[in-house]
C-alpha atoms as a PDB file:
ATOM      1  CA  MET A   1     -55.038  -7.085 -11.016  1.00  0.00           C
ATOM      2  CA  HIS A   2     -51.988  -9.199 -11.626  1.00  0.00           C
ATOM      3  CA  TYR A   3     -48.944  -8.656 -13.778  1.00  0.00           C
ATOM      4  CA  ARG A   4     -46.232 -11.273 -13.547  1.00  0.00           C
ATOM      5  CA  LYS A   5     -43.610 -10.013 -15.980  1.00  0.00           C
ATOM      6  CA  TYR A   6     -40.328  -8.709 -14.673  1.00  0.00           C
ATOM      7  CA  LEU A   7     -39.697  -5.526 -16.582  1.00  0.00           C
ATOM      8  CA  PRO A   8     -36.303  -4.154 -17.531  1.00  0.00           C
ATOM      9  CA  ARG A   9     -35.685  -1.510 -14.895  1.00  0.00           C
ATOM     10  CA  VAL A  10     -33.242   1.359 -14.713  1.00  0.00           C
ATOM     11  CA  ARG A  11     -31.360   2.189 -11.547  1.00  0.00           C
ATOM     12  CA  VAL A  12     -32.379   5.498 -10.013  1.00  0.00           C
ATOM     13  CA  GLN A  13     -30.779   7.909  -7.569  1.00  0.00           C
ATOM     14  CA  SER A  14     -33.071   7.686  -4.564  1.00  0.00           C
ATOM     15  CA  SER A  15     -32.889   6.914  -0.865  1.00  0.00           C
ATOM     16  CA  ALA A  16     -36.073   4.824  -1.189  1.00  0.00           C
ATOM     17  CA  LEU A  17     -36.144   3.391  -4.733  1.00  0.00           C
ATOM     18  CA  ARG A  18     -33.538   1.151  -6.336  1.00  0.00           C
ATOM     19  CA  SER A  19     -34.944   0.803  -9.860  1.00  0.00           C
ATOM     20  CA  VAL A  20     -37.970   1.634 -11.998  1.00  0.00           C
ATOM     21  CA  GLY A  21     -39.443  -0.086 -15.054  1.00  0.00           C
ATOM     22  CA  TYR A  22     -42.456   0.746 -17.178  1.00  0.00           C
ATOM     23  CA  ASP A  23     -44.615  -1.193 -19.632  1.00  0.00           C
ATOM     24  CA  GLU A  24     -45.995   1.502 -21.928  1.00  0.00           C
ATOM     25  CA  HIS A  25     -48.472  -0.882 -23.585  1.00  0.00           C
ATOM     26  CA  GLU A  26     -50.019  -2.137 -20.333  1.00  0.00           C
ATOM     27  CA  TRP A  27     -49.408   1.066 -18.317  1.00  0.00           C
ATOM     28  CA  VAL A  28     -47.684  -0.884 -15.536  1.00  0.00           C
ATOM     29  CA  LEU A  29     -45.061   0.823 -13.400  1.00  0.00           C
ATOM     30  CA  GLN A  30     -42.686  -1.586 -11.643  1.00  0.00           C
ATOM     31  CA  VAL A  31     -40.644  -0.324  -8.711  1.00  0.00           C
ATOM     32  CA  ARG A  32     -37.920  -2.114  -6.753  1.00  0.00           C
ATOM     33  CA  PHE A  33     -37.368  -0.456  -3.385  1.00  0.00           C
ATOM     34  CA  ASN A  34     -34.009  -0.309  -1.628  1.00  0.00           C
ATOM     35  CA  ASN A  35     -35.321  -2.841   0.902  1.00  0.00           C
ATOM     36  CA  GLY A  36     -35.648  -5.355  -1.974  1.00  0.00           C
ATOM     37  CA  LYS A  37     -39.448  -5.320  -2.267  1.00  0.00           C
ATOM     38  CA  LEU A  38     -40.895  -5.204  -5.769  1.00  0.00           C
ATOM     39  CA  TYR A  39     -44.250  -3.593  -6.590  1.00  0.00           C
ATOM     40  CA  ASN A  40     -46.398  -3.147  -9.673  1.00  0.00           C
ATOM     41  CA  TYR A  41     -48.644  -0.089  -9.982  1.00  0.00           C
ATOM     42  CA  PHE A  42     -51.481  -0.381 -12.509  1.00  0.00           C
ATOM     43  CA  ARG A  43     -52.996   2.005 -15.064  1.00  0.00           C
ATOM     44  CA  VAL A  44     -50.194   4.528 -14.551  1.00  0.00           C
ATOM     45  CA  PRO A  45     -50.215   6.884 -17.561  1.00  0.00           C
ATOM     46  CA  PRO A  46     -46.964   7.530 -19.431  1.00  0.00           C
ATOM     47  CA  LEU A  47     -46.942  11.152 -18.233  1.00  0.00           C
ATOM     48  CA  GLU A  48     -46.845   9.962 -14.606  1.00  0.00           C
ATOM     49  CA  HIS A  49     -43.935   7.646 -15.354  1.00  0.00           C
ATOM     50  CA  ASP A  50     -42.091  10.511 -17.066  1.00  0.00           C
ATOM     51  CA  ALA A  51     -42.787  12.840 -14.133  1.00  0.00           C
ATOM     52  CA  LEU A  52     -41.518  10.226 -11.657  1.00  0.00           C
ATOM     53  CA  MET A  53     -38.304   9.797 -13.608  1.00  0.00           C
ATOM     54  CA  ARG A  54     -37.751  13.580 -13.714  1.00  0.00           C
ATOM     55  CA  ALA A  55     -38.651  14.185 -10.049  1.00  0.00           C
ATOM     56  CA  ALA A  56     -35.936  15.544  -7.777  1.00  0.00           C
ATOM     57  CA  SER A  57     -37.199  13.141  -5.091  1.00  0.00           C
ATOM     58  CA  LYS A  58     -38.500   9.970  -6.666  1.00  0.00           C
ATOM     59  CA  GLY A  59     -39.596   8.504  -3.336  1.00  0.00           C
ATOM     60  CA  GLU A  60     -41.592  11.607  -2.485  1.00  0.00           C
ATOM     61  CA  TYR A  61     -43.197  11.688  -5.934  1.00  0.00           C
ATOM     62  CA  LEU A  62     -44.162   8.018  -5.662  1.00  0.00           C
ATOM     63  CA  ASN A  63     -45.632   8.558  -2.177  1.00  0.00           C
ATOM     64  CA  LEU A  64     -47.636  11.670  -3.109  1.00  0.00           C
ATOM     65  CA  GLN A  65     -48.624  11.169  -6.755  1.00  0.00           C
ATOM     66  CA  ILE A  66     -48.732   7.432  -7.408  1.00  0.00           C
ATOM     67  CA  LYS A  67     -49.354   5.346  -4.278  1.00  0.00           C
ATOM     68  CA  PRO A  68     -52.603   7.115  -3.277  1.00  0.00           C
ATOM     69  CA  TYR A  69     -54.156   6.924  -6.760  1.00  0.00           C
ATOM     70  CA  TYR A  70     -53.157   3.667  -8.437  1.00  0.00           C
ATOM     71  CA  GLU A  71     -53.925   0.053  -7.617  1.00  0.00           C
ATOM     72  CA  PHE A  72     -50.812  -1.962  -6.785  1.00  0.00           C
ATOM     73  CA  GLU A  73     -49.535  -5.405  -5.891  1.00  0.00           C
ATOM     74  CA  GLU A  74     -46.398  -6.646  -4.191  1.00  0.00           C
ATOM     75  CA  LEU A  75     -44.545  -9.341  -6.084  1.00  0.00           C
ATOM     76  CA  GLU A  76     -42.884 -12.230  -4.333  1.00  0.00           C
ATOM     77  CA  THR A  77     -39.215 -12.127  -5.108  1.00  0.00           C
ATOM     78  CA  ALA A  78     -36.044 -13.818  -3.959  1.00  0.00           C
ATOM     79  CA  GLU A  79     -33.966 -10.684  -4.507  1.00  0.00           C
ATOM     80  CA  ALA A  80     -33.222  -8.662  -1.382  1.00  0.00           C
END
């Protein structure tokens, strides 16, 4: 899958994640990590996005509940 839009993202308090965006129509979760890398995760239901945003540890939630279950792609980006 490919998704080339840059979504509006909100900054998050996390040691691993910088910002998170979500396209509720396409079910695409977009995550910018603190190392500058940008990833899209596909077919992520709205409830998963909500749970990520409410999680005490967003990095842990992403690692345990999203990465293992959803297809993803890394976007090429100039931002570091």
